[in-house]
Amino acid sequence: MESIDDLNGDLRSIAEVIGRHNALYLVSQCPRYKTEKRAGQGQLFLYVPTLKRLEMNHFLVKTLGYPDAEKLSKEFGGELLVLAQCKQIILRARDNGIREMIRVGFNVNDLVNIFNASERVVSRIYEAELCSHQMTFNL
């Protein structure tokens, strides 16, 4: 099972129910809400409907699929959860995904579209990956 030691609060509780990967994916897809008198990027709030009110067009079902949305609804139904943004964890996972896809032959333009990242970000990772492979071959 994936380690959830670096997660805390409601996000950790969600990861205990649906797994680390799905919990982080959920955070990456949640809209940010600005609150008055608060600077920064906004907070992440997630309302989990009761099982009776969980419909196929709900954000959780669209994002995670019905089985995981159902698990969350059974565990947290009717609650408003406050999630950590986990930017560093999400960016590290994105960058690792880009590296893996570079290794199997995807080009920069494909990766820009797949990851919805800027060309600059993907190119930086692409160049670093090429350099690390050249250094491996030179040894």
C-alpha atoms as a PDB file:
ATOM      1  CA  MET A   1       0.000   0.000   0.000  1.00  0.00           C
ATOM      2  CA  GLU A   2       1.124   3.543  -0.721  1.00  0.00           C
ATOM      3  CA  SER A   3       2.554   5.530   2.163  1.00  0.00           C
ATOM      4  CA  ILE A   4       0.395   8.388   3.404  1.00  0.00           C
ATOM      5  CA  ASP A   5       2.800   9.575   6.107  1.00  0.00           C
ATOM      6  CA  ASP A   6       3.391  12.920   4.374  1.00  0.00           C
ATOM      7  CA  LEU A   7      -0.340  13.722   4.182  1.00  0.00           C
ATOM      8  CA  ASN A   8      -2.299  15.286   7.018  1.00  0.00           C
ATOM      9  CA  GLY A   9      -5.774  16.296   8.098  1.00  0.00           C
ATOM     10  CA  ASP A  10      -8.776  15.531   5.934  1.00  0.00           C
ATOM     11  CA  LEU A  11      -6.570  14.619   2.978  1.00  0.00           C
ATOM     12  CA  ARG A  12      -4.958  11.836   4.994  1.00  0.00           C
ATOM     13  CA  SER A  13      -8.408  10.567   5.978  1.00  0.00           C
ATOM     14  CA  ILE A  14      -9.455  10.531   2.317  1.00  0.00           C
ATOM     15  CA  ALA A  15      -6.248   8.683   1.351  1.00  0.00           C
ATOM     16  CA  GLU A  16      -7.027   6.032   3.968  1.00  0.00           C
ATOM     17  CA  VAL A  17     -10.328   5.385   2.172  1.00  0.00           C
ATOM     18  CA  ILE A  18      -9.429   5.658  -1.551  1.00  0.00           C
ATOM     19  CA  GLY A  19      -5.613   5.525  -1.608  1.00  0.00           C
ATOM     20  CA  ARG A  20      -2.886   8.129  -1.882  1.00  0.00           C
ATOM     21  CA  HIS A  21      -2.853   8.393  -5.661  1.00  0.00           C
ATOM     22  CA  ASN A  22      -6.597   8.990  -5.950  1.00  0.00           C
ATOM     23  CA  ALA A  23      -6.573  11.445  -3.033  1.00  0.00           C
ATOM     24  CA  LEU A  24      -3.828  13.526  -4.658  1.00  0.00           C
ATOM     25  CA  TYR A  25      -5.604  13.377  -7.997  1.00  0.00           C
ATOM     26  CA  LEU A  26      -8.762  14.626  -6.300  1.00  0.00           C
ATOM     27  CA  VAL A  27      -6.871  17.565  -4.783  1.00  0.00           C
ATOM     28  CA  SER A  28      -5.384  18.447  -8.161  1.00  0.00           C
ATOM     29  CA  GLN A  29      -8.879  18.611  -9.689  1.00  0.00           C
ATOM     30  CA  CYS A  30     -10.701  20.525  -6.931  1.00  0.00           C
ATOM     31  CA  PRO A  31     -11.596  24.161  -7.581  1.00  0.00           C
ATOM     32  CA  ARG A  32      -9.976  26.733  -5.276  1.00  0.00           C
ATOM     33  CA  TYR A  33     -12.218  29.067  -3.291  1.00  0.00           C
ATOM     34  CA  LYS A  34     -11.055  32.504  -2.244  1.00  0.00           C
ATOM     35  CA  THR A  35     -12.205  33.529   1.196  1.00  0.00           C
ATOM     36  CA  GLU A  36     -12.480  37.109   2.362  1.00  0.00           C
ATOM     37  CA  LYS A  37      -9.502  38.558   4.226  1.00  0.00           C
ATOM     38  CA  ARG A  38      -7.286  35.722   3.094  1.00  0.00           C
ATOM     39  CA  ALA A  39      -4.277  36.116   0.847  1.00  0.00           C
ATOM     40  CA  GLY A  40      -2.815  33.325  -1.207  1.00  0.00           C
ATOM     41  CA  GLN A  41      -4.158  30.789  -3.631  1.00  0.00           C
ATOM     42  CA  GLY A  42      -7.402  30.029  -1.857  1.00  0.00           C
ATOM     43  CA  GLN A  43      -8.568  27.087   0.144  1.00  0.00           C
ATOM     44  CA  LEU A  44      -9.787  23.744  -1.048  1.00  0.00           C
ATOM     45  CA  PHE A  45     -13.194  22.751   0.250  1.00  0.00           C
ATOM     46  CA  LEU A  46     -14.826  19.489  -0.673  1.00  0.00           C
ATOM     47  CA  TYR A  47     -18.439  18.749   0.148  1.00  0.00           C
ATOM     48  CA  VAL A  48     -19.111  15.022   0.198  1.00  0.00           C
ATOM     49  CA  PRO A  49     -22.794  14.259  -0.361  1.00  0.00           C
ATOM     50  CA  THR A  50     -24.597  11.529   1.510  1.00  0.00           C
ATOM     51  CA  LEU A  51     -24.919   8.275  -0.371  1.00  0.00           C
ATOM     52  CA  LYS A  52     -28.590   9.011  -0.989  1.00  0.00           C
ATOM     53  CA  ARG A  53     -27.682  12.288  -2.746  1.00  0.00           C
ATOM     54  CA  LEU A  54     -24.655  11.006  -4.687  1.00  0.00           C
ATOM     55  CA  GLU A  55     -25.609  11.326  -8.348  1.00  0.00           C
ATOM     56  CA  MET A  56     -23.743  10.301 -11.479  1.00  0.00           C
ATOM     57  CA  ASN A  57     -23.122  13.933 -12.494  1.00  0.00           C
ATOM     58  CA  HIS A  58     -21.554  14.893  -9.131  1.00  0.00           C
ATOM     59  CA  PHE A  59     -17.970  16.190  -9.179  1.00  0.00           C
ATOM     60  CA  LEU A  60     -16.703  13.209  -7.127  1.00  0.00           C
ATOM     61  CA  VAL A  61     -18.196  10.648  -9.512  1.00  0.00           C
ATOM     62  CA  LYS A  62     -16.880  12.498 -12.575  1.00  0.00           C
ATOM     63  CA  THR A  63     -13.416  12.822 -11.028  1.00  0.00           C
ATOM     64  CA  LEU A  64     -12.900   9.476  -9.288  1.00  0.00           C
ATOM     65  CA  GLY A  65     -15.543   7.167 -10.709  1.00  0.00           C
ATOM     66  CA  TYR A  66     -18.558   5.848  -8.851  1.00  0.00           C
ATOM     67  CA  PRO A  67     -16.843   3.158  -6.700  1.00  0.00           C
ATOM     68  CA  ASP A  68     -14.422   5.613  -5.010  1.00  0.00           C
ATOM     69  CA  ALA A  69     -17.048   8.355  -4.776  1.00  0.00           C
ATOM     70  CA  GLU A  70     -19.330   5.849  -3.057  1.00  0.00           C
ATOM     71  CA  LYS A  71     -16.589   4.953  -0.553  1.00  0.00           C
ATOM     72  CA  LEU A  72     -16.098   8.621   0.302  1.00  0.00           C
ATOM     73  CA  SER A  73     -19.824   9.162   0.593  1.00  0.00           C
ATOM     74  CA  LYS A  74     -20.169   6.234   2.999  1.00  0.00           C
ATOM     75  CA  GLU A  75     -17.297   7.526   5.139  1.00  0.00           C
ATOM     76  CA  PHE A  76     -17.785  11.323   4.985  1.00  0.00           C
ATOM     77  CA  GLY A  77     -21.337  11.796   3.660  1.00  0.00           C
ATOM     78  CA  GLY A  78     -22.734  15.244   4.520  1.00  0.00           C
ATOM     79  CA  GLU A  79     -19.365  16.693   5.589  1.00  0.00           C
ATOM     80  CA  LEU A  80     -17.452  19.694   4.267  1.00  0.00           C
ATOM     81  CA  LEU A  81     -13.770  18.770   4.192  1.00  0.00           C
ATOM     82  CA  VAL A  82     -10.852  21.212   4.087  1.00  0.00           C
ATOM     83  CA  LEU A  83      -8.010  19.835   1.999  1.00  0.00           C
ATOM     84  CA  ALA A  84      -4.328  20.707   1.930  1.00  0.00           C
ATOM     85  CA  GLN A  85      -3.134  21.918  -1.463  1.00  0.00           C
ATOM     86  CA  CYS A  86      -0.097  19.578  -1.582  1.00  0.00           C
ATOM     87  CA  LYS A  87       1.508  21.531  -4.421  1.00  0.00           C
ATOM     88  CA  GLN A  88       4.969  20.030  -3.977  1.00  0.00           C
ATOM     89  CA  ILE A  89       3.669  16.464  -3.876  1.00  0.00           C
ATOM     90  CA  ILE A  90       1.456  16.999  -6.930  1.00  0.00           C
ATOM     91  CA  LEU A  91       4.248  18.699  -8.906  1.00  0.00           C
ATOM     92  CA  ARG A  92       6.707  15.935  -8.032  1.00  0.00           C
ATOM     93  CA  ALA A  93       4.194  13.306  -9.209  1.00  0.00           C
ATOM     94  CA  ARG A  94       3.568  15.282 -12.429  1.00  0.00           C
ATOM     95  CA  ASP A  95       7.293  15.617 -13.112  1.00  0.00           C
ATOM     96  CA  ASN A  96       7.845  11.892 -12.494  1.00  0.00           C
ATOM     97  CA  GLY A  97       5.017  11.119 -14.918  1.00  0.00           C
ATOM     98  CA  ILE A  98       6.611  13.356 -17.540  1.00  0.00           C
ATOM     99  CA  ARG A  99       9.977  11.606 -17.031  1.00  0.00           C
ATOM    100  CA  GLU A 100       8.410   8.164 -17.441  1.00  0.00           C
ATOM    101  CA  MET A 101       6.657   9.202 -20.642  1.00  0.00           C
ATOM    102  CA  ILE A 102       9.869  10.715 -22.026  1.00  0.00           C
ATOM    103  CA  ARG A 103      11.565   7.350 -21.471  1.00  0.00           C
ATOM    104  CA  VAL A 104       8.936   5.574 -23.573  1.00  0.00           C
ATOM    105  CA  GLY A 105       9.230   8.079 -26.417  1.00  0.00           C
ATOM    106  CA  PHE A 106       6.685  10.886 -25.997  1.00  0.00           C
ATOM    107  CA  ASN A 107       7.759  14.267 -27.380  1.00  0.00           C
ATOM    108  CA  VAL A 108       7.500  17.693 -25.737  1.00  0.00           C
ATOM    109  CA  ASN A 109       4.320  18.769 -27.571  1.00  0.00           C
ATOM    110  CA  ASP A 110       2.493  15.579 -26.602  1.00  0.00           C
ATOM    111  CA  LEU A 111       3.493  15.992 -22.969  1.00  0.00           C
ATOM    112  CA  VAL A 112       2.431  19.657 -22.900  1.00  0.00           C
ATOM    113  CA  ASN A 113      -1.053  18.595 -23.986  1.00  0.00           C
ATOM    114  CA  ILE A 114      -1.299  15.519 -21.774  1.00  0.00           C
ATOM    115  CA  PHE A 115      -0.173  17.239 -18.570  1.00  0.00           C
ATOM    116  CA  ASN A 116      -1.606  20.680 -19.332  1.00  0.00           C
ATOM    117  CA  ALA A 117       1.810  22.137 -18.491  1.00  0.00           C
ATOM    118  CA  SER A 118       3.764  24.885 -20.180  1.00  0.00           C
ATOM    119  CA  GLU A 119       6.258  24.057 -22.910  1.00  0.00           C
ATOM    120  CA  ARG A 120       8.976  25.592 -20.739  1.00  0.00           C
ATOM    121  CA  VAL A 121       8.290  23.223 -17.831  1.00  0.00           C
ATOM    122  CA  VAL A 122       8.182  20.126 -20.028  1.00  0.00           C
ATOM    123  CA  SER A 123      11.301  21.200 -21.969  1.00  0.00           C
ATOM    124  CA  ARG A 124      13.224  21.722 -18.735  1.00  0.00           C
ATOM    125  CA  ILE A 125      12.380  18.197 -17.550  1.00  0.00           C
ATOM    126  CA  TYR A 126      13.030  16.796 -21.033  1.00  0.00           C
ATOM    127  CA  GLU A 127      16.506  18.325 -21.204  1.00  0.00           C
ATOM    128  CA  ALA A 128      17.391  17.177 -17.687  1.00  0.00           C
ATOM    129  CA  GLU A 129      16.266  13.648 -18.534  1.00  0.00           C
ATOM    130  CA  LEU A 130      18.342  13.616 -21.730  1.00  0.00           C
ATOM    131  CA  CYS A 131      21.399  14.856 -19.823  1.00  0.00           C
ATOM    132  CA  SER A 132      21.021  12.181 -17.151  1.00  0.00           C
ATOM    133  CA  HIS A 133      20.789   9.450 -19.826  1.00  0.00           C
ATOM    134  CA  GLN A 134      23.859  10.818 -21.637  1.00  0.00           C
ATOM    135  CA  MET A 135      25.809  10.799 -18.385  1.00  0.00           C
ATOM    136  CA  THR A 136      24.749   7.185 -17.768  1.00  0.00           C
ATOM    137  CA  PHE A 137      25.950   6.151 -21.217  1.00  0.00           C
ATOM    138  CA  ASN A 138      29.285   7.963 -20.753  1.00  0.00           C
ATOM    139  CA  LEU A 139      30.068   6.070 -17.532  1.00  0.00           C
END
